[in-house]
Each structure stands twice: as C-alpha cells, then as structure tokens.
Protein backbone atom coordinates (compact mmCIF):
# COMPACT_ATOMS: atom_id res chain seq x y z
CA UNK A 1 44.07 54.79 5.15
CA UNK A 2 45.04 58.30 4.00
CA UNK A 3 43.92 59.76 0.69
CA UNK A 4 47.40 59.47 -0.79
CA UNK A 5 47.87 55.88 0.37
CA UNK A 6 44.45 54.89 -0.91
CA UNK A 7 45.14 56.43 -4.33
CA UNK A 8 48.51 54.66 -4.60
CA UNK A 9 46.98 51.36 -3.57
CA UNK A 10 44.18 51.71 -6.09
CA UNK A 11 46.39 52.54 -9.02
CA UNK A 12 48.65 49.59 -8.20
CA UNK A 13 45.73 47.12 -7.98
CA UNK A 14 45.10 44.58 -10.73
CA UNK A 15 41.41 44.83 -11.60
CA UNK A 16 39.64 41.49 -12.09
CA UNK A 17 38.79 40.64 -15.69
CA UNK A 18 35.09 40.57 -14.79
CA UNK A 19 35.26 44.31 -14.17
CA UNK A 20 36.10 44.93 -17.79
CA UNK A 21 32.65 43.84 -18.86
CA UNK A 22 30.71 45.48 -16.05
CA UNK A 23 29.15 48.90 -15.64
CA UNK A 24 32.44 50.75 -15.24
CA UNK A 25 33.36 50.15 -18.88
CA UNK A 26 29.87 50.00 -20.34
CA UNK A 27 29.28 51.79 -23.59
CA UNK A 28 32.85 51.53 -24.88
CA UNK A 29 31.73 49.78 -28.06
CA UNK A 30 30.20 53.04 -29.27
CA UNK A 31 31.72 54.70 -32.32
CA UNK A 32 34.98 56.43 -31.33
CA UNK A 33 35.37 60.17 -31.51
CA UNK A 34 37.96 61.71 -33.80
CA UNK A 35 41.37 61.70 -32.17
CA UNK A 36 42.35 65.10 -30.72
CA UNK A 37 44.95 67.01 -32.72
CA UNK A 38 47.88 69.08 -31.48
CA UNK A 39 48.36 72.68 -32.64
CA UNK A 40 51.66 74.48 -32.07
CA UNK A 41 52.67 78.12 -32.48
CA UNK A 42 56.34 79.01 -31.96
CA UNK A 43 57.27 82.68 -31.64
CA UNK A 44 60.91 83.78 -31.62
CA UNK A 45 61.14 87.43 -30.61
CA UNK A 46 63.81 90.09 -30.75
CA UNK A 47 67.31 88.69 -30.38
CA UNK A 48 69.07 91.96 -29.62
CA UNK A 49 72.41 90.40 -30.63
CA UNK A 50 73.41 87.83 -33.29
CA UNK A 51 74.22 85.17 -30.70
CA UNK A 52 70.74 85.35 -29.18
CA UNK A 53 68.99 85.43 -32.54
CA UNK A 54 70.91 82.29 -33.50
CA UNK A 55 70.07 80.65 -30.16
CA UNK A 56 66.34 81.26 -30.57
CA UNK A 57 66.42 80.10 -34.20
CA UNK A 58 68.20 76.88 -33.22
CA UNK A 59 65.72 76.17 -30.43
CA UNK A 60 62.74 76.78 -32.71
CA UNK A 61 64.08 74.52 -35.46
CA UNK A 62 64.95 71.82 -32.93
CA UNK A 63 61.34 71.72 -31.76
CA UNK A 64 60.07 71.77 -35.35
CA UNK A 65 62.28 68.78 -36.13
CA UNK A 66 61.02 66.93 -33.04
CA UNK A 67 57.40 67.67 -33.91
CA UNK A 68 57.91 66.40 -37.45
CA UNK A 69 60.18 63.39 -37.00
CA UNK A 70 59.42 62.17 -33.48
CA UNK A 71 55.88 63.30 -32.70
CA UNK A 72 54.15 63.29 -36.08
CA UNK A 73 52.80 66.84 -35.70
CA UNK A 74 53.17 68.72 -39.00
CA UNK A 75 50.20 70.45 -40.62
CA UNK A 76 49.09 72.27 -37.47
CA UNK A 77 52.42 74.00 -36.72
CA UNK A 78 53.42 77.63 -37.36
CA UNK A 79 56.59 79.61 -36.61
CA UNK A 80 56.77 83.41 -36.44
CA UNK A 81 60.27 84.92 -36.23
CA UNK A 82 61.99 88.28 -35.81
CA UNK A 83 63.14 88.01 -39.43
CA UNK A 84 60.81 86.15 -41.79
CA UNK A 85 63.75 85.56 -44.16
CA UNK A 86 65.52 83.61 -41.42
CA UNK A 87 64.31 80.25 -42.71
CA UNK A 88 61.87 78.92 -45.32
CA UNK A 89 60.03 77.36 -42.38
CA UNK A 90 59.06 80.77 -40.98
CA UNK A 91 55.41 81.63 -41.64
CA UNK A 92 55.81 85.37 -41.06
CA UNK A 93 57.36 88.16 -39.03
CA UNK A 94 56.68 88.02 -35.29
CA UNK A 95 54.77 91.26 -34.86
CA UNK A 96 52.03 91.68 -32.29
CA UNK A 97 49.40 91.71 -35.06
CA UNK A 98 50.82 88.52 -36.59
CA UNK A 99 50.85 86.71 -33.24
CA UNK A 100 47.21 87.66 -32.64
CA UNK A 101 46.28 86.53 -36.16
CA UNK A 102 48.01 83.14 -35.74
CA UNK A 103 46.51 82.50 -32.29
CA UNK A 104 42.99 83.20 -33.56
CA UNK A 105 43.58 81.15 -36.73
CA UNK A 106 44.77 78.25 -34.58
CA UNK A 107 41.63 78.53 -32.45
CA UNK A 108 39.48 78.54 -35.59
CA UNK A 109 41.13 75.32 -36.83
CA UNK A 110 41.01 73.50 -33.51
CA UNK A 111 38.43 70.83 -32.80
CA UNK A 112 36.54 70.84 -29.47
CA UNK A 113 38.94 68.44 -27.74
CA UNK A 114 42.19 69.50 -29.44
CA UNK A 115 45.20 70.83 -27.54
CA UNK A 116 47.43 73.79 -28.35
CA UNK A 117 50.92 74.90 -27.37
CA UNK A 118 52.16 78.48 -27.69
CA UNK A 119 55.93 78.68 -27.13
CA UNK A 120 57.63 82.07 -26.74
CA UNK A 121 61.43 82.03 -27.21
CA UNK A 122 63.24 85.32 -26.74
CA UNK A 123 63.77 88.18 -24.32
CA UNK A 124 61.30 89.80 -21.98
CA UNK A 125 60.93 92.88 -19.86
CA UNK A 126 59.14 93.74 -16.66
CA UNK A 127 57.48 96.80 -15.25
CA UNK A 128 56.31 96.24 -11.68
CA UNK A 129 54.53 92.87 -11.72
CA UNK A 130 53.76 93.02 -15.45
CA UNK A 131 55.77 90.97 -17.93
CA UNK A 132 56.11 91.62 -21.65
CA UNK A 133 57.59 89.48 -24.41
CA UNK A 134 59.86 91.47 -26.76
CA UNK A 135 58.69 91.64 -30.38
CA UNK A 136 59.51 93.85 -33.38
CA UNK A 137 57.24 96.82 -32.69
CA UNK A 138 54.79 96.66 -29.75
CA UNK A 139 55.56 93.91 -27.24
CA UNK A 140 53.22 91.09 -26.20
CA UNK A 141 51.62 91.31 -22.76
CA UNK A 142 50.08 88.46 -20.81
CA UNK A 143 46.78 90.36 -20.65
CA UNK A 144 46.54 90.57 -24.45
CA UNK A 145 47.37 86.90 -24.91
CA UNK A 146 44.85 85.91 -22.25
CA UNK A 147 42.13 87.83 -24.09
CA UNK A 148 42.91 86.03 -27.36
CA UNK A 149 42.79 82.66 -25.61
CA UNK A 150 39.08 83.09 -24.98
CA UNK A 151 38.77 81.88 -28.58
CA UNK A 152 39.55 78.37 -27.19
CA UNK A 153 36.32 77.65 -25.25
CA UNK A 154 36.81 73.89 -24.76
CA UNK A 155 40.40 73.16 -25.78
CA UNK A 156 43.35 72.84 -23.41
CA UNK A 157 46.00 75.47 -24.16
CA UNK A 158 49.58 75.55 -22.85
CA UNK A 159 51.49 78.83 -22.93
CA UNK A 160 55.24 78.53 -22.34
CA UNK A 161 57.05 81.86 -22.02
CA UNK A 162 60.75 80.98 -21.89
CA UNK A 163 61.91 84.60 -21.83
CA UNK A 164 63.55 86.62 -19.09
CA UNK A 165 61.24 88.54 -16.73
CA UNK A 166 58.38 86.23 -17.80
CA UNK A 167 56.87 85.40 -14.40
CA UNK A 168 54.11 88.01 -14.71
CA UNK A 169 52.49 85.88 -17.44
CA UNK A 170 51.33 83.38 -14.80
CA UNK A 171 48.70 85.55 -13.06
CA UNK A 172 47.85 87.30 -16.32
CA UNK A 173 47.22 84.20 -18.45
CA UNK A 174 46.10 81.54 -15.92
CA UNK A 175 42.58 80.19 -16.29
CA UNK A 176 40.42 77.14 -16.79
CA UNK A 177 41.96 74.53 -19.13
CA UNK A 178 45.12 76.61 -19.37
CA UNK A 179 48.67 75.59 -18.51
CA UNK A 180 51.06 78.50 -18.04
CA UNK A 181 54.82 77.97 -17.79
CA UNK A 182 57.33 80.77 -17.32
CA UNK A 183 61.12 80.66 -17.14
CA UNK A 184 61.15 83.02 -14.15
CA UNK A 185 59.00 83.37 -11.07
CA UNK A 186 58.54 87.12 -11.41
CA UNK A 187 59.01 90.06 -13.75
CA UNK A 188 62.05 91.04 -11.67
CA UNK A 189 64.24 88.09 -12.76
CA UNK A 190 65.64 89.87 -15.80
CA UNK A 191 68.85 87.93 -16.56
CA UNK A 192 69.05 85.80 -19.71
CA UNK A 193 67.33 82.45 -19.34
CA UNK A 194 68.32 78.91 -20.31
CA UNK A 195 64.95 77.27 -19.70
CA UNK A 196 63.74 77.40 -23.32
CA UNK A 197 66.55 75.33 -24.78
CA UNK A 198 66.16 72.60 -22.18
CA UNK A 199 62.38 72.63 -22.57
CA UNK A 200 62.80 71.97 -26.29
CA UNK A 201 65.36 69.24 -25.53
CA UNK A 202 62.72 67.45 -23.48
CA UNK A 203 60.81 66.70 -26.69
CA UNK A 204 63.87 66.25 -28.91
CA UNK A 205 65.65 63.72 -26.66
CA UNK A 206 64.64 60.62 -24.68
CA UNK A 207 65.78 61.54 -21.17
CA UNK A 208 62.64 63.44 -20.15
CA UNK A 209 60.32 60.42 -20.52
CA UNK A 210 60.55 59.44 -16.87
CA UNK A 211 57.61 57.02 -16.81
CA UNK A 212 58.79 55.37 -20.08
CA UNK A 213 55.39 55.52 -21.76
CA UNK A 214 57.04 56.60 -25.06
CA UNK A 215 55.80 60.18 -24.84
CA UNK A 216 56.68 63.29 -22.84
CA UNK A 217 54.04 65.17 -20.89
CA UNK A 218 54.29 68.90 -20.34
CA UNK A 219 54.93 68.19 -16.67
CA UNK A 220 57.84 65.89 -17.55
CA UNK A 221 59.22 68.56 -19.91
CA UNK A 222 58.97 71.19 -17.19
CA UNK A 223 60.72 69.02 -14.62
CA UNK A 224 63.43 68.03 -17.09
CA UNK A 225 64.08 71.65 -18.06
CA UNK A 226 64.18 72.94 -14.49
CA UNK A 227 66.54 70.15 -13.47
CA UNK A 228 68.89 70.85 -16.38
CA UNK A 229 68.81 74.60 -15.65
CA UNK A 230 69.80 73.91 -12.06
CA UNK A 231 72.64 71.62 -13.14
CA UNK A 232 73.87 74.17 -15.65
CA UNK A 233 74.22 76.88 -13.01
CA UNK A 234 75.84 74.46 -10.56
CA UNK A 235 78.31 73.28 -13.23
CA UNK A 236 79.33 76.85 -14.01
CA UNK A 237 79.42 77.78 -10.32
CA UNK A 238 76.92 80.60 -10.88
CA UNK A 239 74.04 81.82 -8.75
CA UNK A 240 70.67 80.58 -10.02
CA UNK A 241 68.90 83.60 -11.49
CA UNK A 242 65.87 81.91 -13.09
CA UNK A 243 63.18 79.95 -11.25
CA UNK A 244 60.56 78.47 -13.58
CA UNK A 245 56.88 78.37 -12.61
CA UNK A 246 53.99 76.16 -13.72
CA UNK A 247 50.33 76.92 -13.14
CA UNK A 248 47.52 74.67 -14.37
CA UNK A 249 44.85 75.00 -11.69
CA UNK A 250 43.87 78.50 -12.75
CA UNK A 251 44.69 80.29 -9.50
CA UNK A 252 47.49 82.34 -11.08
CA UNK A 253 50.02 81.55 -8.35
CA UNK A 254 52.12 78.83 -9.96
CA UNK A 255 54.45 76.27 -8.42
CA UNK A 256 58.20 75.84 -8.53
CA UNK A 257 57.88 72.07 -8.04
CA UNK A 258 54.49 70.94 -9.42
CA UNK A 259 53.37 67.34 -9.12
CA UNK A 260 50.78 65.15 -10.86
CA UNK A 261 48.45 65.28 -7.84
CA UNK A 262 48.24 69.08 -7.73
CA UNK A 263 47.49 71.73 -6.87
CA UNK A 264 49.61 72.39 -9.98
CA UNK A 265 50.72 69.63 -12.30
CA UNK A 266 47.58 67.51 -12.76
CA UNK A 267 46.60 69.00 -16.12
CA UNK A 268 50.21 69.30 -17.32
CA UNK A 269 50.72 65.62 -16.53
CA UNK A 270 48.03 64.78 -19.11
CA UNK A 271 49.12 67.24 -21.79
CA UNK A 272 51.05 65.59 -24.63
CA UNK A 273 52.22 66.85 -28.00
CA UNK A 274 51.95 63.25 -29.18
CA UNK A 275 48.73 61.63 -27.96
CA UNK A 276 49.89 58.00 -27.78
CA UNK A 277 52.83 55.70 -28.59
CA UNK A 278 53.03 54.81 -32.27
CA UNK A 279 52.25 51.14 -31.71
CA UNK A 280 49.15 51.91 -29.66
CA UNK A 281 48.01 54.59 -32.11
CA UNK A 282 48.29 52.04 -34.89
CA UNK A 283 46.23 49.56 -32.92
CA UNK A 284 43.57 52.21 -32.32
CA UNK A 285 43.40 52.94 -36.04
CA UNK A 286 42.86 49.24 -36.77
CA UNK A 287 40.52 48.47 -33.86
CA UNK A 288 37.52 50.69 -33.05
CA UNK A 289 37.29 49.08 -29.59
CA UNK A 290 40.79 50.30 -28.70
CA UNK A 291 40.02 53.76 -30.04
CA UNK A 292 36.88 53.85 -27.89
CA UNK A 293 38.91 52.79 -24.85
CA UNK A 294 41.39 55.61 -25.44
CA UNK A 295 38.55 58.13 -25.77
CA UNK A 296 36.96 56.91 -22.53
CA UNK A 297 40.36 56.99 -20.82
CA UNK A 298 40.67 60.70 -21.63
CA UNK A 299 37.17 61.32 -20.25
CA UNK A 300 37.97 59.55 -16.98
CA UNK A 301 41.30 61.39 -16.64
CA UNK A 302 39.43 64.67 -17.15
CA UNK A 303 36.98 63.60 -14.44
CA UNK A 304 39.81 62.86 -12.02
CA UNK A 305 41.37 66.26 -12.71
CA UNK A 306 38.03 68.02 -12.17
CA UNK A 307 37.43 66.09 -8.95
CA UNK A 308 40.86 66.95 -7.57
CA UNK A 309 40.24 70.60 -8.38
CA UNK A 310 37.16 70.46 -6.10
CA UNK A 311 38.89 68.51 -3.33
CA UNK A 312 38.84 71.32 -0.76
CA UNK A 313 35.11 71.89 -1.30
CA UNK A 314 34.09 68.27 -0.57
CA UNK A 315 33.71 66.05 2.46
CA UNK A 316 36.61 63.63 2.75
CA UNK A 317 34.46 60.49 2.51
CA UNK A 318 32.62 61.78 -0.56
CA UNK A 319 35.90 62.75 -2.26
CA UNK A 320 37.49 59.37 -1.47
CA UNK A 321 34.47 57.46 -2.77
CA UNK A 322 34.31 59.35 -6.05
CA UNK A 323 38.08 59.14 -6.55
CA UNK A 324 38.03 55.40 -5.89
CA UNK A 325 35.30 54.87 -8.48
CA UNK A 326 37.22 56.80 -11.12
CA UNK A 327 40.57 55.16 -10.35
CA UNK A 328 39.05 51.68 -10.48
CA UNK A 329 37.54 52.46 -13.86
CA UNK A 330 40.81 53.96 -15.11
CA UNK A 331 42.77 50.90 -14.02
CA UNK A 332 40.31 48.65 -15.82
CA UNK A 333 40.51 50.74 -18.98
CA UNK A 334 44.32 50.70 -18.90
CA UNK A 335 44.30 46.93 -18.58
CA UNK A 336 41.83 46.58 -21.45
CA UNK A 337 43.97 48.85 -23.63
CA UNK A 338 47.07 46.79 -22.93
CA UNK A 339 45.28 43.56 -23.78
CA UNK A 340 43.57 44.98 -26.88
CA UNK A 341 46.53 46.93 -28.23
CA UNK A 342 50.19 47.01 -27.25
CA UNK A 343 51.57 47.18 -23.74
CA UNK A 344 54.06 50.10 -23.67
CA UNK A 345 55.79 48.48 -20.70
CA UNK A 346 56.49 45.28 -22.61
C-alpha cells in the first residue's frame, strides 16, 4: 500500500472503543492547558485614490465584524490605517514605527501556544525580487517584518500580504512556525489585486468552510480566495494578473496550489482564527476531559506536521510506522471528542 493510500485508509478507520482507554490516549485526564488565543493585526496602507482607500477600509471592517460576531475574537485585535480618523475602530496611523510597535506588543501579549495573524491590505511595490508594502512614510519590507517576528519564539504566525507586487514577502518572511501568503507570486506582478477582499470574505461568509467543521482554516481561506479571484477575471474576460502563493514549510518557495499533506498547506490547514465550533468549545468549558482531549489533539496534529516535514530525511518504513501511530491516536481522540462533546457532523 502506498503512503497516501495508507494515510487515507487510516483516517477513515473506526478505532475500537478499547483503544480509547489504552496507551495511545493515556494521560488525558490531566489538567487542561489554557486554550490558545488568537491575535490579529490589520494594516491598511496608502490608498493612493479615494476608491482604493474606501476598498481597504471596507475590507478591514468586514474582517473586524467577522472576528467579533462570528469568531469571538475581540480583545486581541488591532487595526492601523492610513488615516487614524477614518474610524473609531482604528488604533493608530499605519506608519512603519507603529506597525513595529504593534507587532512587538502582540508578541508580548501572546501565550506560548497562541496564534497570530498579520493582514496587510493596500498597495505594494517591487524592486528586483524585493517587495515593499506602501505605508505613510517609509514602506514595510519583508526583511523588517521577518526580524520583528523573532519575538514569537513558540507561536504560529500567519502573514498575509494582499497587496500588489507582494510575492517577495514569501522568501523574506518564511520560517519555522510561519505561514506566509501573498497575493502575487513575485514582485513583478504590479497590477491591483483582488485577493484581499476575497480572503476576508472567507471568514465573513460560509462558503469557504469546505469540510463543514464550522470553522475556516487559513488553507481553506486561501483556496477560496484564489478560486474567487480566478472566477472574477474569467467573468470579466481579463487576463489573470495575480497568482497568490502560500508557504508554510519554511523553504521560502511557496505554492500556487497548496494541499493539507504538504509540502505547503499542512500548517495552514491547522491554523484557525476560531479554535473550535461554539458547541464543542462550550462542552470543553464544562468538561475538563474534553478540554484535555482538545489539547492532546493539537499536540498530535503538531507531531504529524513535524513528521511530514522530515519525510524526505527518513526511511519509508520508519516514516509509515510513525505516521500510522499518530493517525491511529488522532482518530481515537476525534472519536472520544465526538462522544464526550458534540459531533460537528451531526
């Protein structure tokens, strides 16, 4: 059996109930860790024209509304804009110094297992292979942002640069526990982009939740946005001038069509702005056993991601054996969560 076939077969298998009490799930009665929090920084840069300034403002407020009303993310959100008088929701003017200050403040607030999203909505420019995000005053480079992100030693951070000419951010920002998304595949794609609006729509609407687990992963949002961008150009009979990239394996190359089994897409498939469906989150709050299961589930998923990242360095039999062990445990945990909480497929 091939690796892919074996993985599919394992994930589809119903694990016997006896497995739930055996070594694979031992220790789950321990006190649960605090649930990871989501931190979000939205930066809307120079508009250059009223229509673009309005577009970026609308996209930012749409995501803020989705975070508040749909995802329950409120206190850990900040918005920097070209004009701080644009809305009472703006925390300050989007200067380079302010962006650095907010990124470092977010890192200081973040717990060890928290996640963070930095969304850049605006215009960009390119010089050679280097991309810059346009701000009032000095622009933001990928190299500067990458340096600031060292303040997140254990957290997973997603950087989404939805600007034109943004592709150079992929090699500049990519690294361990980082997800980098750009609206273009290089700094040479300089036409206006539509990716940002559709990316926000992925969290504001229901269509992007392909697996119907009541939450949208960053991978689902990326795929939804790229599909809608393609359809938009086809509808208007225009040549596609933006090709979004996603990199989450740290090699700085990025993929146009990432998937959950890598090389790009594994980490993004497990990155959520909302950590769990409301019903399941409520069950976890009421039942320490369910909370412990969810914590162990995240640990096993991290182990699978780390194993897949080392796939090319391992013997095939060793890789298959370790993957099988983790997938069996994950299937058992998922079954226990469904029986102890709420089944999202019900």
